[in-house]
Amino acid sequence: MANFKQIAATDQVKIGGGKIFGIFVSSGSSSPTLAVYDSATASTDDPKIANTFAVAAATQYLSFPNGIFFSKGLYIVLANTAAFTVVYE
């Protein structure tokens, strides 16, 4: 069963293995970007699940029906201003 987390800043979503199913951006301004890492320690030195990409409000990103596995954790870095929901397991 999938979980969700509403985020408006850089955040450690989960520690440990799991799957990411998608990200929905509900609002944003000042050209926001996201980067998604497989990290349990909030480190940008860990592998990227998705390299830095620009996002816009009312848009879904990283939509994977079966999920993409991460082993260490799920860490998302936000630049500028946005609110988004991450769906993960």
PDB file of N, CA and C in Angstrom:
ATOM      1  N   MET A   1       0.843  -1.173   0.000  1.00  0.00           N
ATOM      2  CA  MET A   1       0.000   0.000   0.000  1.00  0.00           C
ATOM      3  C   MET A   1       0.890   1.238   0.000  1.00  0.00           C
ATOM      4  N   ALA A   2       0.558   2.194  -0.832  1.00  0.00           N
ATOM      5  CA  ALA A   2       1.363   3.409  -0.969  1.00  0.00           C
ATOM      6  C   ALA A   2       1.071   4.402   0.153  1.00  0.00           C
ATOM      7  N   ASN A   3       2.091   5.193   0.465  1.00  0.00           N
ATOM      8  CA  ASN A   3       1.988   6.289   1.421  1.00  0.00           C
ATOM      9  C   ASN A   3       2.153   7.590   0.659  1.00  0.00           C
ATOM     10  N   PHE A   4       1.836   8.705   1.317  1.00  0.00           N
ATOM     11  CA  PHE A   4       2.071  10.000   0.696  1.00  0.00           C
ATOM     12  C   PHE A   4       2.600  10.965   1.743  1.00  0.00           C
ATOM     13  N   LYS A   5       3.284  11.996   1.271  1.00  0.00           N
ATOM     14  CA  LYS A   5       3.773  13.051   2.144  1.00  0.00           C
ATOM     15  C   LYS A   5       3.722  14.371   1.389  1.00  0.00           C
ATOM     16  N   GLN A   6       3.050  15.345   1.973  1.00  0.00           N
ATOM     17  CA  GLN A   6       2.986  16.705   1.413  1.00  0.00           C
ATOM     18  C   GLN A   6       4.222  17.454   1.898  1.00  0.00           C
ATOM     19  N   ILE A   7       4.947  18.076   0.974  1.00  0.00           N
ATOM     20  CA  ILE A   7       6.221  18.718   1.295  1.00  0.00           C
ATOM     21  C   ILE A   7       6.273  20.105   0.661  1.00  0.00           C
ATOM     22  N   ALA A   8       6.924  21.041   1.338  1.00  0.00           N
ATOM     23  CA  ALA A   8       7.132  22.375   0.776  1.00  0.00           C
ATOM     24  C   ALA A   8       8.566  22.839   1.011  1.00  0.00           C
ATOM     25  N   ALA A   9       9.476  21.880   1.252  1.00  0.00           N
ATOM     26  CA  ALA A   9      10.891  22.193   1.493  1.00  0.00           C
ATOM     27  C   ALA A   9      11.700  20.917   1.232  1.00  0.00           C
ATOM     28  N   THR A  10      13.012  21.042   1.183  1.00  0.00           N
ATOM     29  CA  THR A  10      13.880  19.875   1.099  1.00  0.00           C
ATOM     30  C   THR A  10      13.564  18.970   2.278  1.00  0.00           C
ATOM     31  N   ASP A  11      13.448  17.646   2.030  1.00  0.00           N
ATOM     32  CA  ASP A  11      13.003  16.757   3.103  1.00  0.00           C
ATOM     33  C   ASP A  11      13.491  15.325   2.912  1.00  0.00           C
ATOM     34  N   GLN A  12      13.788  14.673   4.035  1.00  0.00           N
ATOM     35  CA  GLN A  12      14.055  13.237   4.062  1.00  0.00           C
ATOM     36  C   GLN A  12      12.693  12.569   4.186  1.00  0.00           C
ATOM     37  N   VAL A  13      12.195  11.997   3.114  1.00  0.00           N
ATOM     38  CA  VAL A  13      10.856  11.424   3.091  1.00  0.00           C
ATOM     39  C   VAL A  13      10.821  10.093   3.819  1.00  0.00           C
ATOM     40  N   LYS A  14      11.821   9.251   3.584  1.00  0.00           N
ATOM     41  CA  LYS A  14      11.848   7.923   4.185  1.00  0.00           C
ATOM     42  C   LYS A  14      13.286   7.461   4.339  1.00  0.00           C
ATOM     43  N   ILE A  15      13.540   6.711   5.394  1.00  0.00           N
ATOM     44  CA  ILE A  15      14.832   6.054   5.589  1.00  0.00           C
ATOM     45  C   ILE A  15      14.604   4.562   5.398  1.00  0.00           C
ATOM     46  N   GLY A  16      15.470   3.922   4.625  1.00  0.00           N
ATOM     47  CA  GLY A  16      15.340   2.502   4.334  1.00  0.00           C
ATOM     48  C   GLY A  16      14.763   2.294   2.944  1.00  0.00           C
ATOM     49  N   GLY A  17      14.726   1.026   2.539  1.00  0.00           N
ATOM     50  CA  GLY A  17      14.267   0.681   1.204  1.00  0.00           C
ATOM     51  C   GLY A  17      12.793   0.945   0.987  1.00  0.00           C
ATOM     52  N   GLY A  18      12.431   1.125  -0.271  1.00  0.00           N
ATOM     53  CA  GLY A  18      11.038   1.352  -0.633  1.00  0.00           C
ATOM     54  C   GLY A  18      10.919   1.597  -2.122  1.00  0.00           C
ATOM     55  N   LYS A  19       9.784   2.153  -2.519  1.00  0.00           N
ATOM     56  CA  LYS A  19       9.534   2.484  -3.919  1.00  0.00           C
ATOM     57  C   LYS A  19       8.952   3.885  -3.992  1.00  0.00           C
ATOM     58  N   ILE A  20       9.311   4.614  -5.027  1.00  0.00           N
ATOM     59  CA  ILE A  20       8.677   5.897  -5.314  1.00  0.00           C
ATOM     60  C   ILE A  20       7.767   5.682  -6.519  1.00  0.00           C
ATOM     61  N   PHE A  21       6.526   6.160  -6.376  1.00  0.00           N
ATOM     62  CA  PHE A  21       5.536   6.012  -7.437  1.00  0.00           C
ATOM     63  C   PHE A  21       5.332   7.297  -8.228  1.00  0.00           C
ATOM     64  N   GLY A  22       5.506   8.445  -7.578  1.00  0.00           N
ATOM     65  CA  GLY A  22       5.318   9.687  -8.303  1.00  0.00           C
ATOM     66  C   GLY A  22       5.351  10.909  -7.413  1.00  0.00           C
ATOM     67  N   ILE A  23       5.340  12.059  -8.070  1.00  0.00           N
ATOM     68  CA  ILE A  23       5.338  13.357  -7.393  1.00  0.00           C
ATOM     69  C   ILE A  23       4.313  14.226  -8.102  1.00  0.00           C
ATOM     70  N   PHE A  24       3.437  14.863  -7.314  1.00  0.00           N
ATOM     71  CA  PHE A  24       2.486  15.827  -7.858  1.00  0.00           C
ATOM     72  C   PHE A  24       2.805  17.195  -7.280  1.00  0.00           C
ATOM     73  N   VAL A  25       3.060  18.157  -8.136  1.00  0.00           N
ATOM     74  CA  VAL A  25       3.360  19.524  -7.701  1.00  0.00           C
ATOM     75  C   VAL A  25       2.048  20.305  -7.702  1.00  0.00           C
ATOM     76  N   SER A  26       1.648  20.791  -6.517  1.00  0.00           N
ATOM     77  CA  SER A  26       0.378  21.511  -6.412  1.00  0.00           C
ATOM     78  C   SER A  26       0.542  23.014  -6.590  1.00  0.00           C
ATOM     79  N   SER A  27       1.710  23.554  -6.242  1.00  0.00           N
ATOM     80  CA  SER A  27       1.959  24.978  -6.449  1.00  0.00           C
ATOM     81  C   SER A  27       3.451  25.219  -6.562  1.00  0.00           C
ATOM     82  N   GLY A  28       3.798  26.350  -7.156  1.00  0.00           N
ATOM     83  CA  GLY A  28       5.212  26.692  -7.281  1.00  0.00           C
ATOM     84  C   GLY A  28       5.396  28.089  -7.834  1.00  0.00           C
ATOM     85  N   SER A  29       6.525  28.685  -7.469  1.00  0.00           N
ATOM     86  CA  SER A  29       6.878  29.997  -8.008  1.00  0.00           C
ATOM     87  C   SER A  29       8.393  30.128  -8.035  1.00  0.00           C
ATOM     88  N   SER A  30       8.879  31.082  -8.761  1.00  0.00           N
ATOM     89  CA  SER A  30      10.322  31.348  -8.872  1.00  0.00           C
ATOM     90  C   SER A  30      11.086  30.183  -9.484  1.00  0.00           C
ATOM     91  N   SER A  31      10.498  29.540 -10.481  1.00  0.00           N
ATOM     92  CA  SER A  31      11.158  28.452 -11.220  1.00  0.00           C
ATOM     93  C   SER A  31      11.683  27.340 -10.316  1.00  0.00           C
ATOM     94  N   PRO A  32      10.812  26.633  -9.599  1.00  0.00           N
ATOM     95  CA  PRO A  32      11.263  25.575  -8.695  1.00  0.00           C
ATOM     96  C   PRO A  32      11.858  24.380  -9.439  1.00  0.00           C
ATOM     97  N   THR A  33      12.787  23.702  -8.770  1.00  0.00           N
ATOM     98  CA  THR A  33      13.362  22.454  -9.278  1.00  0.00           C
ATOM     99  C   THR A  33      13.387  21.430  -8.160  1.00  0.00           C
ATOM    100  N   LEU A  34      13.379  20.160  -8.558  1.00  0.00           N
ATOM    101  CA  LEU A  34      13.481  19.051  -7.617  1.00  0.00           C
ATOM    102  C   LEU A  34      14.610  18.133  -8.059  1.00  0.00           C
ATOM    103  N   ALA A  35      15.235  17.480  -7.094  1.00  0.00           N
ATOM    104  CA  ALA A  35      16.170  16.388  -7.354  1.00  0.00           C
ATOM    105  C   ALA A  35      15.822  15.301  -6.342  1.00  0.00           C
ATOM    106  N   VAL A  36      15.828  14.047  -6.776  1.00  0.00           N
ATOM    107  CA  VAL A  36      15.409  12.933  -5.929  1.00  0.00           C
ATOM    108  C   VAL A  36      16.596  11.982  -5.754  1.00  0.00           C
ATOM    109  N   TYR A  37      16.923  11.689  -4.492  1.00  0.00           N
ATOM    110  CA  TYR A  37      18.100  10.878  -4.160  1.00  0.00           C
ATOM    111  C   TYR A  37      17.731   9.593  -3.423  1.00  0.00           C
ATOM    112  N   ASP A  38      18.541   8.572  -3.610  1.00  0.00           N
ATOM    113  CA  ASP A  38      18.480   7.337  -2.826  1.00  0.00           C
ATOM    114  C   ASP A  38      19.444   7.531  -1.654  1.00  0.00           C
ATOM    115  N   SER A  39      18.952   8.148  -0.581  1.00  0.00           N
ATOM    116  CA  SER A  39      19.817   8.523   0.543  1.00  0.00           C
ATOM    117  C   SER A  39      19.090   8.391   1.873  1.00  0.00           C
ATOM    118  N   ALA A  40      19.760   7.811   2.845  1.00  0.00           N
ATOM    119  CA  ALA A  40      19.226   7.708   4.199  1.00  0.00           C
ATOM    120  C   ALA A  40      19.771   8.799   5.106  1.00  0.00           C
ATOM    121  N   THR A  41      20.718   9.589   4.601  1.00  0.00           N
ATOM    122  CA  THR A  41      21.397  10.576   5.447  1.00  0.00           C
ATOM    123  C   THR A  41      21.287  11.994   4.912  1.00  0.00           C
ATOM    124  N   ALA A  42      20.317  12.234   4.051  1.00  0.00           N
ATOM    125  CA  ALA A  42      20.135  13.561   3.451  1.00  0.00           C
ATOM    126  C   ALA A  42      21.415  14.039   2.769  1.00  0.00           C
ATOM    127  N   SER A  43      22.024  13.147   1.995  1.00  0.00           N
ATOM    128  CA  SER A  43      23.272  13.455   1.314  1.00  0.00           C
ATOM    129  C   SER A  43      23.066  13.545  -0.191  1.00  0.00           C
ATOM    130  N   THR A  44      23.544  14.618  -0.786  1.00  0.00           N
ATOM    131  CA  THR A  44      23.491  14.747  -2.241  1.00  0.00           C
ATOM    132  C   THR A  44      24.657  14.026  -2.913  1.00  0.00           C
ATOM    133  N   ASP A  45      25.495  13.360  -2.118  1.00  0.00           N
ATOM    134  CA  ASP A  45      26.566  12.529  -2.674  1.00  0.00           C
ATOM    135  C   ASP A  45      26.064  11.130  -3.001  1.00  0.00           C
ATOM    136  N   ASP A  46      24.865  10.769  -2.522  1.00  0.00           N
ATOM    137  CA  ASP A  46      24.286   9.458  -2.816  1.00  0.00           C
ATOM    138  C   ASP A  46      23.704   9.449  -4.229  1.00  0.00           C
ATOM    139  N   PRO A  47      23.371   8.256  -4.745  1.00  0.00           N
ATOM    140  CA  PRO A  47      22.856   8.163  -6.116  1.00  0.00           C
ATOM    141  C   PRO A  47      21.547   8.944  -6.310  1.00  0.00           C
ATOM    142  N   LYS A  48      21.423   9.542  -7.484  1.00  0.00           N
ATOM    143  CA  LYS A  48      20.185  10.246  -7.829  1.00  0.00           C
ATOM    144  C   LYS A  48      19.200   9.272  -8.461  1.00  0.00           C
ATOM    145  N   ILE A  49      17.976   9.342  -8.009  1.00  0.00           N
ATOM    146  CA  ILE A  49      16.891   8.614  -8.667  1.00  0.00           C
ATOM    147  C   ILE A  49      16.448   9.430  -9.881  1.00  0.00           C
ATOM    148  N   ALA A  50      16.365  10.743  -9.692  1.00  0.00           N
ATOM    149  CA  ALA A  50      16.038  11.663 -10.791  1.00  0.00           C
ATOM    150  C   ALA A  50      16.896  12.903 -10.632  1.00  0.00           C
ATOM    151  N   ASN A  51      17.628  13.231 -11.687  1.00  0.00           N
ATOM    152  CA  ASN A  51      18.476  14.414 -11.666  1.00  0.00           C
ATOM    153  C   ASN A  51      17.607  15.669 -11.564  1.00  0.00           C
ATOM    154  N   THR A  52      18.187  16.780 -11.255  1.00  0.00           N
ATOM    155  CA  THR A  52      17.456  18.027 -11.065  1.00  0.00           C
ATOM    156  C   THR A  52      16.582  18.339 -12.291  1.00  0.00           C
ATOM    157  N   PHE A  53      15.293  18.613 -12.033  1.00  0.00           N
ATOM    158  CA  PHE A  53      14.372  18.953 -13.112  1.00  0.00           C
ATOM    159  C   PHE A  53      13.446  20.086 -12.678  1.00  0.00           C
ATOM    160  N   ALA A  54      13.051  20.917 -13.632  1.00  0.00           N
ATOM    161  CA  ALA A  54      12.147  22.032 -13.371  1.00  0.00           C
ATOM    162  C   ALA A  54      10.728  21.502 -13.227  1.00  0.00           C
ATOM    163  N   VAL A  55       9.956  22.110 -12.325  1.00  0.00           N
ATOM    164  CA  VAL A  55       8.577  21.680 -12.099  1.00  0.00           C
ATOM    165  C   VAL A  55       7.623  22.863 -12.225  1.00  0.00           C
ATOM    166  N   ALA A  56       6.373  22.541 -12.529  1.00  0.00           N
ATOM    167  CA  ALA A  56       5.326  23.554 -12.638  1.00  0.00           C
ATOM    168  C   ALA A  56       4.108  23.091 -11.854  1.00  0.00           C
ATOM    169  N   ALA A  57       3.333  24.043 -11.379  1.00  0.00           N
ATOM    170  CA  ALA A  57       2.132  23.732 -10.597  1.00  0.00           C
ATOM    171  C   ALA A  57       1.138  22.909 -11.410  1.00  0.00           C
ATOM    172  N   ALA A  58       0.359  22.091 -10.696  1.00  0.00           N
ATOM    173  CA  ALA A  58      -0.700  21.267 -11.276  1.00  0.00           C
ATOM    174  C   ALA A  58      -0.164  20.258 -12.289  1.00  0.00           C
ATOM    175  N   THR A  59       1.025  19.699 -11.997  1.00  0.00           N
ATOM    176  CA  THR A  59       1.658  18.737 -12.903  1.00  0.00           C
ATOM    177  C   THR A  59       2.177  17.544 -12.116  1.00  0.00           C
ATOM    178  N   GLN A  60       2.015  16.359 -12.701  1.00  0.00           N
ATOM    179  CA  GLN A  60       2.518  15.137 -12.085  1.00  0.00           C
ATOM    180  C   GLN A  60       3.835  14.756 -12.748  1.00  0.00           C
ATOM    181  N   TYR A  61       4.785  14.336 -11.915  1.00  0.00           N
ATOM    182  CA  TYR A  61       6.112  13.935 -12.390  1.00  0.00           C
ATOM    183  C   TYR A  61       6.462  12.559 -11.833  1.00  0.00           C
ATOM    184  N   LEU A  62       7.428  11.915 -12.467  1.00  0.00           N
ATOM    185  CA  LEU A  62       7.919  10.613 -12.015  1.00  0.00           C
ATOM    186  C   LEU A  62       6.764   9.657 -11.759  1.00  0.00           C
ATOM    187  N   SER A  63       5.935   9.460 -12.743  1.00  0.00           N
ATOM    188  CA  SER A  63       4.765   8.605 -12.603  1.00  0.00           C
ATOM    189  C   SER A  63       5.131   7.174 -13.000  1.00  0.00           C
ATOM    190  N   PHE A  64       5.320   6.315 -11.993  1.00  0.00           N
ATOM    191  CA  PHE A  64       5.715   4.928 -12.226  1.00  0.00           C
ATOM    192  C   PHE A  64       4.680   4.006 -11.588  1.00  0.00           C
ATOM    193  N   PRO A  65       3.804   3.390 -12.373  1.00  0.00           N
ATOM    194  CA  PRO A  65       2.737   2.554 -11.813  1.00  0.00           C
ATOM    195  C   PRO A  65       3.237   1.429 -10.904  1.00  0.00           C
ATOM    196  N   ASN A  66       4.393   0.850 -11.206  1.00  0.00           N
ATOM    197  CA  ASN A  66       4.933  -0.227 -10.385  1.00  0.00           C
ATOM    198  C   ASN A  66       5.983   0.266  -9.404  1.00  0.00           C
ATOM    199  N   GLY A  67       6.309   1.541  -9.434  1.00  0.00           N
ATOM    200  CA  GLY A  67       7.298   2.115  -8.529  1.00  0.00           C
ATOM    201  C   GLY A  67       8.725   1.859  -8.972  1.00  0.00           C
ATOM    202  N   ILE A  68       9.622   2.697  -8.489  1.00  0.00           N
ATOM    203  CA  ILE A  68      11.066   2.510  -8.692  1.00  0.00           C
ATOM    204  C   ILE A  68      11.672   2.285  -7.316  1.00  0.00           C
ATOM    205  N   PHE A  69      12.418   1.209  -7.172  1.00  0.00           N
ATOM    206  CA  PHE A  69      12.989   0.820  -5.887  1.00  0.00           C
ATOM    207  C   PHE A  69      14.161   1.719  -5.497  1.00  0.00           C
ATOM    208  N   PHE A  70      14.208   2.106  -4.237  1.00  0.00           N
ATOM    209  CA  PHE A  70      15.384   2.755  -3.665  1.00  0.00           C
ATOM    210  C   PHE A  70      15.801   1.927  -2.460  1.00  0.00           C
ATOM    211  N   SER A  71      17.100   1.856  -2.182  1.00  0.00           N
ATOM    212  CA  SER A  71      17.579   0.963  -1.126  1.00  0.00           C
ATOM    213  C   SER A  71      17.947   1.673   0.170  1.00  0.00           C
ATOM    214  N   LYS A  72      18.445   2.907   0.088  1.00  0.00           N
ATOM    215  CA  LYS A  72      18.924   3.605   1.291  1.00  0.00           C
ATOM    216  C   LYS A  72      17.850   4.460   1.937  1.00  0.00           C
ATOM    217  N   GLY A  73      17.116   5.188   1.126  1.00  0.00           N
ATOM    218  CA  GLY A  73      16.093   6.098   1.625  1.00  0.00           C
ATOM    219  C   GLY A  73      15.652   7.021   0.515  1.00  0.00           C
ATOM    220  N   LEU A  74      14.674   7.842   0.811  1.00  0.00           N
ATOM    221  CA  LEU A  74      14.134   8.770  -0.173  1.00  0.00           C
ATOM    222  C   LEU A  74      14.332  10.190   0.332  1.00  0.00           C
ATOM    223  N   TYR A  75      15.172  10.944  -0.368  1.00  0.00           N
ATOM    224  CA  TYR A  75      15.534  12.311   0.003  1.00  0.00           C
ATOM    225  C   TYR A  75      15.265  13.208  -1.190  1.00  0.00           C
ATOM    226  N   ILE A  76      14.489  14.280  -0.985  1.00  0.00           N
ATOM    227  CA  ILE A  76      14.130  15.171  -2.077  1.00  0.00           C
ATOM    228  C   ILE A  76      14.618  16.577  -1.775  1.00  0.00           C
ATOM    229  N   VAL A  77      15.327  17.146  -2.745  1.00  0.00           N
ATOM    230  CA  VAL A  77      15.886  18.494  -2.611  1.00  0.00           C
ATOM    231  C   VAL A  77      15.054  19.445  -3.469  1.00  0.00           C
ATOM    232  N   LEU A  78      14.523  20.477  -2.825  1.00  0.00           N
ATOM    233  CA  LEU A  78      13.743  21.507  -3.508  1.00  0.00           C
ATOM    234  C   LEU A  78      14.549  22.792  -3.589  1.00  0.00           C
ATOM    235  N   ALA A  79      14.592  23.384  -4.776  1.00  0.00           N
ATOM    236  CA  ALA A  79      15.175  24.717  -4.943  1.00  0.00           C
ATOM    237  C   ALA A  79      14.032  25.663  -5.276  1.00  0.00           C
ATOM    238  N   ASN A  80      14.039  26.817  -4.653  1.00  0.00           N
ATOM    239  CA  ASN A  80      13.006  27.842  -4.804  1.00  0.00           C
ATOM    240  C   ASN A  80      11.728  27.415  -4.086  1.00  0.00           C
ATOM    241  N   THR A  81      10.546  27.824  -4.573  1.00  0.00           N
ATOM    242  CA  THR A  81       9.313  27.635  -3.812  1.00  0.00           C
ATOM    243  C   THR A  81       8.342  26.717  -4.537  1.00  0.00           C
ATOM    244  N   ALA A  82       7.909  25.641  -3.853  1.00  0.00           N
ATOM    245  CA  ALA A  82       6.905  24.728  -4.400  1.00  0.00           C
ATOM    246  C   ALA A  82       6.290  23.937  -3.253  1.00  0.00           C
ATOM    247  N   ALA A  83       5.107  23.438  -3.505  1.00  0.00           N
ATOM    248  CA  ALA A  83       4.451  22.480  -2.611  1.00  0.00           C
ATOM    249  C   ALA A  83       4.149  21.254  -3.463  1.00  0.00           C
ATOM    250  N   PHE A  84       4.473  20.081  -2.937  1.00  0.00           N
ATOM    251  CA  PHE A  84       4.278  18.875  -3.724  1.00  0.00           C
ATOM    252  C   PHE A  84       3.973  17.680  -2.836  1.00  0.00           C
ATOM    253  N   THR A  85       3.377  16.678  -3.433  1.00  0.00           N
ATOM    254  CA  THR A  85       3.047  15.443  -2.739  1.00  0.00           C
ATOM    255  C   THR A  85       3.860  14.318  -3.362  1.00  0.00           C
ATOM    256  N   VAL A  86       4.529  13.550  -2.510  1.00  0.00           N
ATOM    257  CA  VAL A  86       5.308  12.397  -2.947  1.00  0.00           C
ATOM    258  C   VAL A  86       4.520  11.146  -2.590  1.00  0.00           C
ATOM    259  N   VAL A  87       4.384  10.238  -3.530  1.00  0.00           N
ATOM    260  CA  VAL A  87       3.719   8.945  -3.293  1.00  0.00           C
ATOM    261  C   VAL A  87       4.806   7.894  -3.310  1.00  0.00           C
ATOM    262  N   TYR A  88       4.879   7.131  -2.218  1.00  0.00           N
ATOM    263  CA  TYR A  88       5.968   6.164  -2.045  1.00  0.00           C
ATOM    264  C   TYR A  88       5.492   4.994  -1.199  1.00  0.00           C
ATOM    265  N   GLU A  89       6.333   4.009  -1.095  1.00  0.00           N
ATOM    266  CA  GLU A  89       6.046   2.843  -0.267  1.00  0.00           C
ATOM    267  C   GLU A  89       7.249   2.530   0.572  1.00  0.00           C
TER     268      GLU A  89
END
